Each structure stands twice: as C-alpha cells, then as structure tokens.
Protein backbone atom coordinates (compact mmCIF):
# COMPACT_ATOMS: atom_id res chain seq x y z
CA MET A 1 0.00 0.00 0.00
CA LYS A 2 2.83 2.39 0.87
CA LEU A 3 4.51 1.58 -2.44
CA PHE A 4 1.26 2.30 -4.29
CA ARG A 5 0.87 5.64 -2.51
CA MET A 6 4.46 6.56 -3.32
CA MET A 7 4.00 5.70 -7.00
CA LEU A 8 0.74 7.68 -7.07
CA LEU A 9 2.48 10.67 -5.47
CA ILE A 10 5.32 10.49 -8.00
CA ALA A 11 2.83 10.31 -10.89
CA LEU A 12 0.86 13.28 -9.56
CA SER A 13 4.04 15.30 -9.06
CA ALA A 14 5.21 14.53 -12.59
CA ASP A 15 1.82 15.56 -13.95
CA LEU A 16 1.95 18.84 -12.03
CA VAL A 17 5.46 19.56 -13.31
CA THR A 18 4.39 18.80 -16.90
CA THR A 19 1.32 21.01 -16.58
CA ALA A 20 3.36 23.84 -15.08
CA ALA A 21 5.94 23.57 -17.88
CA ALA A 22 3.18 23.64 -20.52
CA ASP A 23 1.60 26.70 -18.87
CA HIS A 24 4.98 28.44 -18.80
CA ARG A 25 5.56 27.68 -22.50
CA GLN A 26 2.11 28.98 -23.38
CA GLN A 27 2.74 32.15 -21.39
CA LEU A 28 6.05 32.72 -23.17
CA PHE A 29 4.40 32.05 -26.53
CA GLU A 30 1.68 34.61 -25.85
CA GLN A 31 4.29 37.12 -24.65
CA GLY A 32 6.22 36.60 -27.87
CA ASN A 33 3.13 37.10 -30.01
CA GLN A 34 2.17 40.25 -28.12
CA ALA A 35 5.69 41.66 -28.46
CA PHE A 36 5.65 40.90 -32.20
CA GLN A 37 2.32 42.69 -32.65
CA LYS A 38 3.72 45.73 -30.82
CA GLY A 39 6.77 45.78 -33.09
CA ASP A 40 9.16 44.71 -30.31
CA TYR A 41 10.77 41.99 -32.41
CA ALA A 42 13.81 41.57 -30.15
CA GLN A 43 11.55 40.74 -27.21
CA ALA A 44 9.54 38.38 -29.41
CA VAL A 45 12.74 36.53 -30.35
CA ALA A 46 13.76 36.35 -26.68
CA SER A 47 10.42 34.80 -25.68
CA PHE A 48 10.36 32.29 -28.54
CA GLU A 49 14.02 31.33 -28.06
CA GLU A 50 13.37 30.71 -24.36
CA ILE A 51 10.68 28.19 -25.33
CA HIS A 52 13.18 26.51 -27.65
CA ARG A 53 15.81 26.40 -24.89
CA LEU A 54 13.28 24.58 -22.71
CA GLY A 55 13.42 21.73 -25.24
CA PHE A 56 10.12 22.37 -27.00
CA GLU A 57 9.69 22.61 -30.75
CA SER A 58 6.78 23.04 -33.14
CA ALA A 59 6.17 24.39 -36.62
CA ALA A 60 4.32 27.39 -35.15
CA LEU A 61 7.23 28.22 -32.84
CA TYR A 62 9.81 28.08 -35.63
CA TYR A 63 7.51 30.01 -37.98
CA ASN A 64 7.08 32.83 -35.47
CA LEU A 65 10.79 32.86 -34.72
CA GLY A 66 11.53 33.12 -38.43
CA ASN A 67 9.12 36.03 -38.78
CA ALA A 68 10.65 37.87 -35.83
CA TYR A 69 14.21 37.37 -37.09
CA TYR A 70 13.17 38.49 -40.57
CA LYS A 71 11.75 41.72 -39.12
CA LEU A 72 15.07 42.27 -37.33
CA GLY A 73 16.94 41.87 -40.61
CA GLN A 74 18.64 38.65 -39.42
CA ASN A 75 17.79 36.76 -42.58
CA ALA A 76 20.06 33.77 -42.02
CA ARG A 77 18.32 33.00 -38.72
CA ALA A 78 14.96 33.60 -40.34
CA ILE A 79 15.79 31.04 -43.05
CA LEU A 80 17.08 28.59 -40.43
CA ASN A 81 13.81 28.69 -38.49
CA TYR A 82 11.62 28.60 -41.60
CA GLU A 83 13.52 25.49 -42.73
CA ARG A 84 13.02 23.88 -39.30
CA ALA A 85 9.31 24.66 -39.45
CA LEU A 86 9.12 23.25 -42.98
CA ARG A 87 10.42 19.89 -41.78
CA LEU A 88 7.54 19.67 -39.33
CA GLN A 89 4.85 21.15 -41.59
CA PRO A 90 5.98 20.80 -45.22
CA ASN A 91 2.68 21.75 -46.89
CA ASP A 92 2.16 25.15 -45.23
CA GLU A 93 1.82 27.70 -48.05
CA ASP A 94 2.42 30.76 -45.84
CA LEU A 95 5.59 29.19 -44.50
CA ARG A 96 6.87 28.37 -47.99
CA PHE A 97 6.09 31.89 -49.19
CA ASN A 98 7.98 33.50 -46.27
CA LEU A 99 10.94 31.19 -46.85
CA GLN A 100 11.04 32.16 -50.54
CA LEU A 101 10.88 35.80 -49.54
CA ALA A 102 13.79 35.41 -47.10
CA ASN A 103 15.81 33.46 -49.69
CA LEU A 104 15.66 36.48 -52.02
CA THR A 105 18.23 38.10 -49.73
CA VAL A 106 20.74 35.24 -50.15
CA VAL A 107 23.73 36.31 -52.23
CA ASP A 108 24.54 32.86 -53.61
CA LYS A 109 22.17 31.69 -56.33
CA ILE A 110 23.34 28.14 -56.93
CA PRO A 111 21.63 25.99 -59.59
CA VAL A 112 20.51 22.52 -58.55
CA LEU A 113 21.87 19.56 -60.50
CA PRO A 114 19.14 17.97 -62.65
CA GLU A 115 17.74 14.63 -61.48
CA LEU A 116 15.79 11.88 -63.22
CA PHE A 117 12.13 12.86 -63.49
CA TYR A 118 10.79 9.92 -61.46
CA ILE A 119 13.22 10.64 -58.61
CA ARG A 120 12.16 14.29 -58.65
CA TYR A 121 8.47 13.33 -58.61
CA PHE A 122 8.99 10.96 -55.69
CA GLN A 123 10.95 13.59 -53.74
CA ASP A 124 8.17 16.13 -54.35
CA PHE A 125 5.58 13.59 -53.18
CA ARG A 126 7.62 12.78 -50.05
CA ALA A 127 8.03 16.47 -49.29
CA LEU A 128 4.25 16.89 -49.10
CA PHE A 129 4.13 15.03 -45.77
CA GLY A 130 5.76 15.48 -42.40
CA LEU A 131 7.08 12.32 -40.72
CA ARG A 132 4.30 12.34 -38.11
CA THR A 133 1.61 12.59 -40.78
CA LEU A 134 3.20 9.81 -42.82
CA THR A 135 3.49 7.55 -39.77
CA ALA A 136 -0.11 8.13 -38.68
CA PHE A 137 -1.47 7.60 -42.21
CA THR A 138 0.57 4.41 -42.69
CA LEU A 139 -0.63 2.97 -39.37
CA CYS A 140 -4.24 3.73 -40.36
CA LEU A 141 -3.70 1.92 -43.66
CA TYR A 142 -2.31 -1.09 -41.78
CA LEU A 143 -5.41 -1.11 -39.58
CA PHE A 144 -7.87 -0.85 -42.49
CA PHE A 145 -5.96 -3.48 -44.45
CA PHE A 146 -6.23 -6.01 -41.62
CA ILE A 147 -9.93 -5.18 -41.18
CA ALA A 148 -10.45 -5.85 -44.90
CA LEU A 149 -8.43 -9.07 -44.68
CA ILE A 150 -10.38 -10.36 -41.67
CA SER A 151 -13.66 -9.38 -43.34
CA TRP A 152 -12.68 -11.31 -46.47
CA LEU A 153 -11.91 -14.38 -44.38
CA LEU A 154 -14.92 -14.28 -42.06
CA LEU A 155 -17.87 -12.62 -43.80
CA PRO A 156 -20.49 -15.17 -44.88
CA ALA A 157 -21.93 -13.24 -47.87
CA ALA A 158 -19.99 -13.71 -51.12
CA ARG A 159 -20.71 -10.14 -52.28
CA LEU A 160 -19.33 -8.65 -49.08
CA ARG A 161 -16.28 -10.90 -49.31
CA ARG A 162 -15.60 -9.72 -52.88
CA PHE A 163 -15.92 -6.10 -51.76
CA ALA A 164 -13.55 -6.77 -48.82
CA LEU A 165 -11.06 -8.41 -51.21
CA SER A 166 -11.16 -5.45 -53.63
CA ALA A 167 -10.74 -3.00 -50.76
CA GLY A 168 -7.87 -5.09 -49.39
CA VAL A 169 -6.03 -5.02 -52.73
CA VAL A 170 -6.36 -1.23 -52.98
CA LEU A 171 -5.27 -0.81 -49.36
CA ALA A 172 -2.31 -3.15 -49.89
CA VAL A 173 -1.08 -1.05 -52.82
CA LEU A 174 -1.48 2.18 -50.84
CA LEU A 175 0.19 0.53 -47.86
CA MET A 176 3.24 -0.41 -49.92
CA ILE A 177 3.50 3.10 -51.36
CA PHE A 178 3.19 4.90 -48.04
CA SER A 179 5.34 2.40 -46.12
CA PHE A 180 8.13 2.91 -48.65
CA THR A 181 7.64 6.68 -48.48
CA MET A 182 7.72 6.66 -44.66
CA VAL A 183 10.94 4.60 -44.54
CA SER A 184 12.45 6.89 -47.18
CA LYS A 185 11.46 9.94 -45.12
CA ILE A 186 13.07 8.49 -41.98
CA LEU A 187 16.31 7.73 -43.83
CA PHE A 188 16.22 11.14 -45.53
CA LEU A 189 15.86 13.00 -42.22
CA ARG A 190 18.53 10.84 -40.58
CA HIS A 191 21.18 11.03 -43.28
CA ASN A 192 20.31 14.21 -45.15
CA VAL A 193 21.69 16.62 -42.56
CA GLU A 194 21.37 20.21 -43.74
CA ALA A 195 22.52 23.51 -42.30
CA VAL A 196 22.33 27.23 -42.96
CA VAL A 197 25.39 29.47 -43.23
CA MET A 198 25.38 31.97 -40.35
CA SER A 199 28.47 34.03 -41.14
CA ALA A 200 28.36 36.90 -43.62
CA LYS A 201 31.13 35.35 -45.72
CA VAL A 202 32.81 31.94 -45.48
CA ASP A 203 35.83 30.64 -47.38
CA VAL A 204 35.37 26.93 -48.00
CA ARG A 205 38.59 24.90 -47.98
CA SER A 206 39.84 21.75 -49.62
CA ALA A 207 40.66 20.06 -46.30
CA PRO A 208 39.54 20.31 -42.63
CA SER A 209 42.35 22.66 -41.74
CA ALA A 210 43.09 26.38 -41.74
CA ASP A 211 45.96 25.54 -44.10
CA GLY A 212 43.59 24.03 -46.65
CA THR A 213 43.28 25.71 -50.02
CA GLU A 214 40.38 28.14 -50.40
CA ILE A 215 38.31 26.63 -53.20
CA PHE A 216 35.16 28.77 -53.16
CA THR A 217 33.28 31.32 -51.04
CA ILE A 218 29.70 31.23 -49.76
CA HIS A 219 27.55 33.72 -47.86
CA GLU A 220 25.01 33.83 -45.06
CA GLY A 221 21.59 32.31 -45.55
CA LEU A 222 22.73 29.62 -47.99
CA LYS A 223 21.45 26.12 -47.23
CA VAL A 224 24.09 23.39 -47.52
CA LYS A 225 24.20 19.64 -46.99
CA ILE A 226 26.59 18.21 -44.38
CA SER A 227 28.32 15.06 -45.65
CA ASN A 228 31.07 14.54 -43.08
CA ARG A 229 32.62 15.86 -39.87
CA ASN A 230 36.20 16.03 -38.68
CA GLY A 231 36.81 17.67 -35.30
CA GLY A 232 35.50 21.21 -35.48
CA TRP A 233 35.07 21.07 -39.26
CA TYR A 234 32.16 20.09 -41.49
CA GLU A 235 32.40 18.82 -45.03
CA ILE A 236 29.58 20.40 -47.00
CA ARG A 237 28.02 19.80 -50.39
CA LEU A 238 26.32 22.52 -52.43
CA PRO A 239 23.28 21.96 -54.69
CA ASP A 240 25.55 22.17 -57.77
CA GLY A 241 27.80 19.37 -56.46
CA LYS A 242 30.72 21.43 -55.08
CA VAL A 243 32.30 19.97 -51.94
CA GLY A 244 34.55 21.55 -49.33
CA TRP A 245 35.27 22.03 -45.63
CA LEU A 246 34.38 24.86 -43.26
CA LEU A 247 34.41 25.44 -39.51
CA ALA A 248 31.37 24.09 -37.67
CA LYS A 249 30.81 27.48 -36.03
CA GLU A 250 30.10 29.05 -39.44
CA ILE A 251 26.86 27.13 -39.90
CA GLU A 252 23.90 25.93 -37.84
CA VAL A 253 22.20 22.59 -38.40
CA ILE A 254 18.53 22.76 -39.39
C-alpha cells in the first residue's frame, strides 16, 4: 500500500510539473506574439528562443521565430527557423512563401543539379508530408488493411467478401506506397543533414584545416548539406555538387 501511494504521489508530481511547464511555454508564446504585434521583435525573439531552450519545438514556434528574425533583418536566422518549421509542416503555403521571400536576400544563387524525373516526382511527393503525418497515415492503412483481410476471411456473404477483397487489394497497394515513403522519409531525415550558413562570408577549404586551399566562397543564408565531420570542421556539399570544408561554427544545423 505504501509503495502504491508513493507511486501515485510520484505520478501526480510529474503531472503537475508537466502542466506547469506547458503553462509556462504557453505564457512565453503569448508574450512573444504580443511583443511581435507591438513591433518589439527583439523581445519576441527572446520569448520564442526561451521556449526553444526549454526543449520544446513546433512548426508554429519556428515560424514565429523566423518572422521575428526576418523583421530584425537577421535573414540567415529567419531562413534557419523557416527550414526547421518546414520539416515539421511541409505543406504550409504561408511558410513556404515566407521562406522564398527570405531566400531572395541570399547572395549565392546556386543551380541545382538535374535529377531523373521519377526521382524528382517521388521527392516532391515525399516532401508533401511530415514524418508524423506519414506515420499516422501508414498505421491507419495497416489497420484498415487487416480489417479488410479479416472481413474477407470471415464474412459469410460472397458479395461482401468480394468487396472486402477489392478494398484489401487497394489498401495493400497504398500501404506499400506509403510504407516505402515513410521509410524513405526516416532515412532522408537521418542522413540528409542540412545547415544554414550563419556568417556573412565563409571561405570553404579543400581540407579540414586552416591551411587548406580556399576553393570557393559562400555567404550567409545559404542552405548546404553536411556530408562529413572532422573535429571542429564540417564537409559540406552545395546543390551544384561542389564539396569543401568549413568550420562548424560558421553554420547551424537545421
């Protein structure tokens, strides 16, 4: 009985702490929104960044942070937060528009290497969904598929069994498509590590060393792909295929 009471007390305490933390985040979020509406963008950034430091993230938080940084003229940080929001909510039109607007300020206009049309179509399809949405939709398809399968096996009426079989075939095809897309999304997010250049100007070198040859220069706001790490250096890849090394402090991971 004592053990049960202790466990109940611990559970209630944890619930109170969680509720208090959520209330504090909500208060900070409202303070940030109010500051933004008043034109106090620095205070808005401070409130939103405090929420982020508490370990919380959401598309709305990153979107508001991006807007506040954009108003302050800190376009690299605006792009960083818009990109973070886009990973959580990839089909938000307002978010995409603001990101495009912020990207107009980026000095480097680097063309993307052409890809095979079917790879491009699949990447566009995958980009329509966040990982949470894909996971939830795939689990629902699994559930409906098994319901159709059980119905096909157990229903006594032949007509209903034929309908369950047809539905099962359609669901199986959709299940394969979305399962593959979900796995691809997980691997993409795990291995496709991207970052935004934070420094006004960065000389990219041929090796992870200050003695490395300067091979090209990039500027703040540019999004790059991280392909390797060596100590305090990152190897980056540009959309046009160029590869080089820069200090980790010059960029911030999305």
